[in-house]
């Protein structure tokens, strides 16, 4: 799992998107958890695979992103 208690900036491009996933293809992992921080950052042109994204507070800006085989949790509940 990647626990973020600050800002996370991930800047992929349309021609070269970023992939965040387990080292083993298709194996679920802990996901991205954004802690209680006023802001949270920006994620652009990124594919998050086999995980959930949980936002406990703050503002996460996601543009041109895909959560593949995962779950978006906006309020901190599972």
C-alpha atoms as a PDB file:
ATOM      1  CA  UNK A   1       0.000   0.000   0.000  1.00  0.00           C
ATOM      2  CA  UNK A   2       1.051   3.584  -0.555  1.00  0.00           C
ATOM      3  CA  UNK A   3      -0.094   5.832   2.301  1.00  0.00           C
ATOM      4  CA  UNK A   4       0.087   9.531   1.378  1.00  0.00           C
ATOM      5  CA  UNK A   5      -0.012  12.079   4.169  1.00  0.00           C
ATOM      6  CA  UNK A   6       0.970  15.038   2.021  1.00  0.00           C
ATOM      7  CA  UNK A   7       0.908  15.760  -1.684  1.00  0.00           C
ATOM      8  CA  UNK A   8       1.346  13.144  -4.395  1.00  0.00           C
ATOM      9  CA  UNK A   9       2.033  14.395  -7.921  1.00  0.00           C
ATOM     10  CA  UNK A  10       1.956  11.824 -10.726  1.00  0.00           C
ATOM     11  CA  UNK A  11       2.277  13.352 -14.202  1.00  0.00           C
ATOM     12  CA  UNK A  12       1.895  10.863 -17.012  1.00  0.00           C
ATOM     13  CA  UNK A  13       1.079  11.970 -20.543  1.00  0.00           C
ATOM     14  CA  UNK A  14      -1.376  10.726 -23.158  1.00  0.00           C
ATOM     15  CA  UNK A  15       1.511   9.218 -25.118  1.00  0.00           C
ATOM     16  CA  UNK A  16       3.209   7.816 -22.008  1.00  0.00           C
ATOM     17  CA  UNK A  17       0.751   7.074 -19.183  1.00  0.00           C
ATOM     18  CA  UNK A  18       1.963   5.914 -15.787  1.00  0.00           C
ATOM     19  CA  UNK A  19       0.897   2.558 -14.328  1.00  0.00           C
ATOM     20  CA  UNK A  20       0.697   2.001 -10.568  1.00  0.00           C
ATOM     21  CA  UNK A  21       0.289  -1.694  -9.786  1.00  0.00           C
ATOM     22  CA  UNK A  22       1.648  -4.702  -7.945  1.00  0.00           C
ATOM     23  CA  UNK A  23       4.948  -6.119  -9.136  1.00  0.00           C
ATOM     24  CA  UNK A  24       2.982  -9.316  -9.899  1.00  0.00           C
ATOM     25  CA  UNK A  25       0.458  -8.755 -12.705  1.00  0.00           C
ATOM     26  CA  UNK A  26      -3.141  -9.265 -11.609  1.00  0.00           C
ATOM     27  CA  UNK A  27      -2.310  -9.569  -7.906  1.00  0.00           C
ATOM     28  CA  UNK A  28      -4.305  -7.171  -5.689  1.00  0.00           C
ATOM     29  CA  UNK A  29      -2.296  -4.847  -3.461  1.00  0.00           C
ATOM     30  CA  UNK A  30      -3.128  -2.358  -0.697  1.00  0.00           C
ATOM     31  CA  UNK A  31      -3.754   0.596  -2.994  1.00  0.00           C
ATOM     32  CA  UNK A  32      -3.415   4.332  -2.472  1.00  0.00           C
ATOM     33  CA  UNK A  33      -4.629   5.805   0.793  1.00  0.00           C
ATOM     34  CA  UNK A  34      -4.673   9.556   1.210  1.00  0.00           C
ATOM     35  CA  UNK A  35      -4.510  10.504   4.893  1.00  0.00           C
ATOM     36  CA  UNK A  36      -5.860  13.507   6.717  1.00  0.00           C
ATOM     37  CA  UNK A  37      -3.979  16.268   4.952  1.00  0.00           C
ATOM     38  CA  UNK A  38      -5.423  19.513   3.660  1.00  0.00           C
ATOM     39  CA  UNK A  39      -4.389  18.836   0.067  1.00  0.00           C
ATOM     40  CA  UNK A  40      -3.495  15.611  -1.648  1.00  0.00           C
ATOM     41  CA  UNK A  41      -2.042  16.366  -5.030  1.00  0.00           C
ATOM     42  CA  UNK A  42      -2.662  15.699  -8.681  1.00  0.00           C
ATOM     43  CA  UNK A  43      -2.675  12.469 -10.661  1.00  0.00           C
ATOM     44  CA  UNK A  44      -2.748  12.768 -14.459  1.00  0.00           C
ATOM     45  CA  UNK A  45      -2.769  10.102 -17.215  1.00  0.00           C
ATOM     46  CA  UNK A  46      -2.353   7.241 -14.767  1.00  0.00           C
ATOM     47  CA  UNK A  47      -3.732   3.703 -14.569  1.00  0.00           C
ATOM     48  CA  UNK A  48      -4.106   2.295 -11.048  1.00  0.00           C
ATOM     49  CA  UNK A  49      -4.494  -1.491 -11.275  1.00  0.00           C
ATOM     50  CA  UNK A  50      -5.869  -4.119  -8.881  1.00  0.00           C
ATOM     51  CA  UNK A  51      -6.259  -1.759  -5.921  1.00  0.00           C
ATOM     52  CA  UNK A  52      -8.497   0.741  -4.223  1.00  0.00           C
ATOM     53  CA  UNK A  53      -8.007   4.465  -3.849  1.00  0.00           C
ATOM     54  CA  UNK A  54      -9.217   5.856  -0.534  1.00  0.00           C
ATOM     55  CA  UNK A  55      -9.419   9.566   0.297  1.00  0.00           C
ATOM     56  CA  UNK A  56      -9.903  10.378   3.971  1.00  0.00           C
ATOM     57  CA  UNK A  57      -9.838  14.157   3.513  1.00  0.00           C
ATOM     58  CA  UNK A  58      -8.276  16.764   1.286  1.00  0.00           C
ATOM     59  CA  UNK A  59      -8.538  17.278  -2.434  1.00  0.00           C
ATOM     60  CA  UNK A  60      -7.201  14.836  -5.005  1.00  0.00           C
ATOM     61  CA  UNK A  61      -7.361  16.003  -8.603  1.00  0.00           C
ATOM     62  CA  UNK A  62      -7.407  13.124 -11.076  1.00  0.00           C
ATOM     63  CA  UNK A  63      -7.429  13.786 -14.811  1.00  0.00           C
ATOM     64  CA  UNK A  64      -7.480  11.157 -17.557  1.00  0.00           C
ATOM     65  CA  UNK A  65      -7.077   8.319 -15.051  1.00  0.00           C
ATOM     66  CA  UNK A  66      -8.368   4.757 -14.901  1.00  0.00           C
ATOM     67  CA  UNK A  67      -8.880   2.608 -11.825  1.00  0.00           C
ATOM     68  CA  UNK A  68      -8.676  -0.858 -13.396  1.00  0.00           C
ATOM     69  CA  UNK A  69     -10.150  -3.728 -11.345  1.00  0.00           C
ATOM     70  CA  UNK A  70     -10.306  -1.563  -8.242  1.00  0.00           C
ATOM     71  CA  UNK A  71     -12.514   0.739  -6.201  1.00  0.00           C
ATOM     72  CA  UNK A  72     -12.651   4.489  -5.561  1.00  0.00           C
ATOM     73  CA  UNK A  73     -13.566   5.315  -1.942  1.00  0.00           C
ATOM     74  CA  UNK A  74     -14.164   9.030  -1.479  1.00  0.00           C
ATOM     75  CA  UNK A  75     -15.302   9.244   2.138  1.00  0.00           C
ATOM     76  CA  UNK A  76     -12.791   7.064   3.963  1.00  0.00           C
ATOM     77  CA  UNK A  77     -15.123   4.077   4.312  1.00  0.00           C
ATOM     78  CA  UNK A  78     -14.431   0.782   2.585  1.00  0.00           C
END
